[in-house]
Amino acid sequence: GDDSLTLPLMALGASGVVSVAGNIVPKEVKSMVTAFKSGDVATAQKLHHKLFPLCRDMLGLSTNPIPVKAAMKMMGMDCGEVRLPLTALTESQLAELKTTLQRFGLL
């Protein structure tokens, strides 16, 4: 899923999400979806705007699931390595990911 589109798509009638970011920020993703479904659009929008930079900066680094697996590993979650034809993030990408996670308060 493209988490940056979750709320806009729900506003157009989607009923849920297949979330990538939910692997590292499950409470926030669930809260956004729950808020929207209960009619609290303002809270859903606030959460969307909070999550958007994380989704953009993390998922923009490489093909899914490469960045989320790297993020989970940095956060101490053992989720295994990516398998070919996928390859791990470069050192530069890992540094960018670390900065992103720190900015979001996850490291």
Protein backbone atom coordinates (compact mmCIF):
# COMPACT_ATOMS: atom_id res chain seq x y z
CA GLY A 1 0.00 0.00 0.00
CA ASP A 2 0.91 3.63 -0.46
CA ASP A 3 0.30 4.95 3.04
CA SER A 4 0.40 8.57 1.92
CA LEU A 5 -2.84 7.88 0.03
CA THR A 6 -4.74 6.13 2.83
CA LEU A 7 -6.78 9.08 4.04
CA PRO A 8 -7.42 10.60 0.59
CA LEU A 9 -8.65 7.22 -0.67
CA MET A 10 -10.84 6.70 2.39
CA ALA A 11 -12.35 10.12 1.70
CA LEU A 12 -13.27 8.78 -1.75
CA GLY A 13 -14.90 5.67 -0.32
CA ALA A 14 -12.15 3.14 0.44
CA SER A 15 -12.96 1.17 3.57
CA GLY A 16 -9.50 0.30 4.87
CA VAL A 17 -5.80 0.07 4.22
CA VAL A 18 -3.04 -2.38 3.43
CA SER A 19 -0.38 -0.44 5.30
CA VAL A 20 3.38 -0.57 5.05
CA ALA A 21 4.00 2.13 7.67
CA GLY A 22 1.68 0.20 9.98
CA ASN A 23 4.57 -2.18 10.55
CA ILE A 24 6.48 0.53 12.43
CA VAL A 25 3.71 2.91 13.59
CA PRO A 26 0.66 0.63 13.96
CA LYS A 27 -1.10 2.70 16.62
CA GLU A 28 -0.92 5.88 14.56
CA VAL A 29 -2.19 4.22 11.38
CA LYS A 30 -5.02 2.51 13.26
CA SER A 31 -5.94 5.74 15.04
CA MET A 32 -6.13 7.62 11.74
CA VAL A 33 -8.38 5.00 10.14
CA THR A 34 -10.56 4.70 13.25
CA ALA A 35 -10.92 8.47 13.56
CA PHE A 36 -12.00 8.81 9.95
CA LYS A 37 -14.46 5.91 10.15
CA SER A 38 -16.03 7.39 13.30
CA GLY A 39 -16.49 10.75 11.58
CA ASP A 40 -13.64 12.59 13.32
CA VAL A 41 -12.14 13.92 10.11
CA ALA A 42 -10.13 16.64 11.89
CA THR A 43 -8.23 14.08 13.98
CA ALA A 44 -7.74 11.84 10.95
CA GLN A 45 -6.31 14.79 9.03
CA LYS A 46 -3.92 15.68 11.87
CA LEU A 47 -2.66 12.10 11.97
CA HIS A 48 -2.36 11.98 8.18
CA HIS A 49 -0.24 15.15 8.20
CA LYS A 50 1.91 13.67 10.98
CA LEU A 51 2.41 10.37 9.11
CA PHE A 52 2.87 11.80 5.62
CA PRO A 53 6.53 12.90 6.00
CA LEU A 54 7.45 9.50 7.45
CA CYS A 55 5.76 7.67 4.58
CA ARG A 56 7.24 9.97 1.94
CA ASP A 57 10.77 9.94 3.31
CA MET A 58 10.94 6.27 4.30
CA LEU A 59 9.10 4.68 1.40
CA GLY A 60 10.71 7.01 -1.13
CA LEU A 61 14.14 5.52 -0.44
CA SER A 62 13.63 2.29 -2.35
CA THR A 63 11.15 -0.34 -3.45
CA ASN A 64 8.82 -1.73 -0.79
CA PRO A 65 9.50 -3.69 1.47
CA ILE A 66 13.20 -2.73 1.52
CA PRO A 67 12.92 0.49 3.57
CA VAL A 68 10.34 -0.80 6.04
CA LYS A 69 12.39 -3.94 6.74
CA ALA A 70 15.45 -1.75 7.34
CA ALA A 71 13.42 0.53 9.62
CA MET A 72 12.10 -2.42 11.60
CA LYS A 73 15.64 -3.74 12.00
CA MET A 74 16.85 -0.34 13.25
CA MET A 75 13.97 -0.36 15.75
CA GLY A 76 15.00 -3.77 17.07
CA MET A 77 12.39 -5.89 15.29
CA ASP A 78 13.72 -9.02 13.62
CA CYS A 79 11.93 -9.29 10.31
CA GLY A 80 14.63 -11.00 8.27
CA GLU A 81 16.52 -9.76 5.27
CA VAL A 82 15.20 -8.90 1.84
CA ARG A 83 15.58 -11.63 -0.77
CA LEU A 84 16.74 -11.38 -4.34
CA PRO A 85 16.01 -9.73 -6.64
CA LEU A 86 15.68 -7.08 -3.90
CA THR A 87 18.84 -5.74 -2.31
CA ALA A 88 19.49 -3.95 0.97
CA LEU A 89 19.62 -0.18 1.27
CA THR A 90 22.95 1.52 0.62
CA GLU A 91 24.86 3.13 3.50
CA SER A 92 23.67 6.53 2.29
CA GLN A 93 20.04 5.36 2.22
CA LEU A 94 20.42 3.83 5.69
CA ALA A 95 21.71 7.16 7.00
CA GLU A 96 18.69 8.95 5.46
CA LEU A 97 16.35 6.37 6.97
CA LYS A 98 17.94 6.76 10.40
CA THR A 99 17.47 10.53 10.22
CA THR A 100 13.83 10.07 9.20
CA LEU A 101 13.13 7.66 12.06
CA GLN A 102 14.85 9.98 14.54
CA ARG A 103 12.80 12.94 13.30
CA PHE A 104 9.65 10.92 13.92
CA GLY A 105 10.86 9.91 17.41
CA LEU A 106 11.18 6.21 16.58
CA LEU A 107 14.90 5.95 17.42
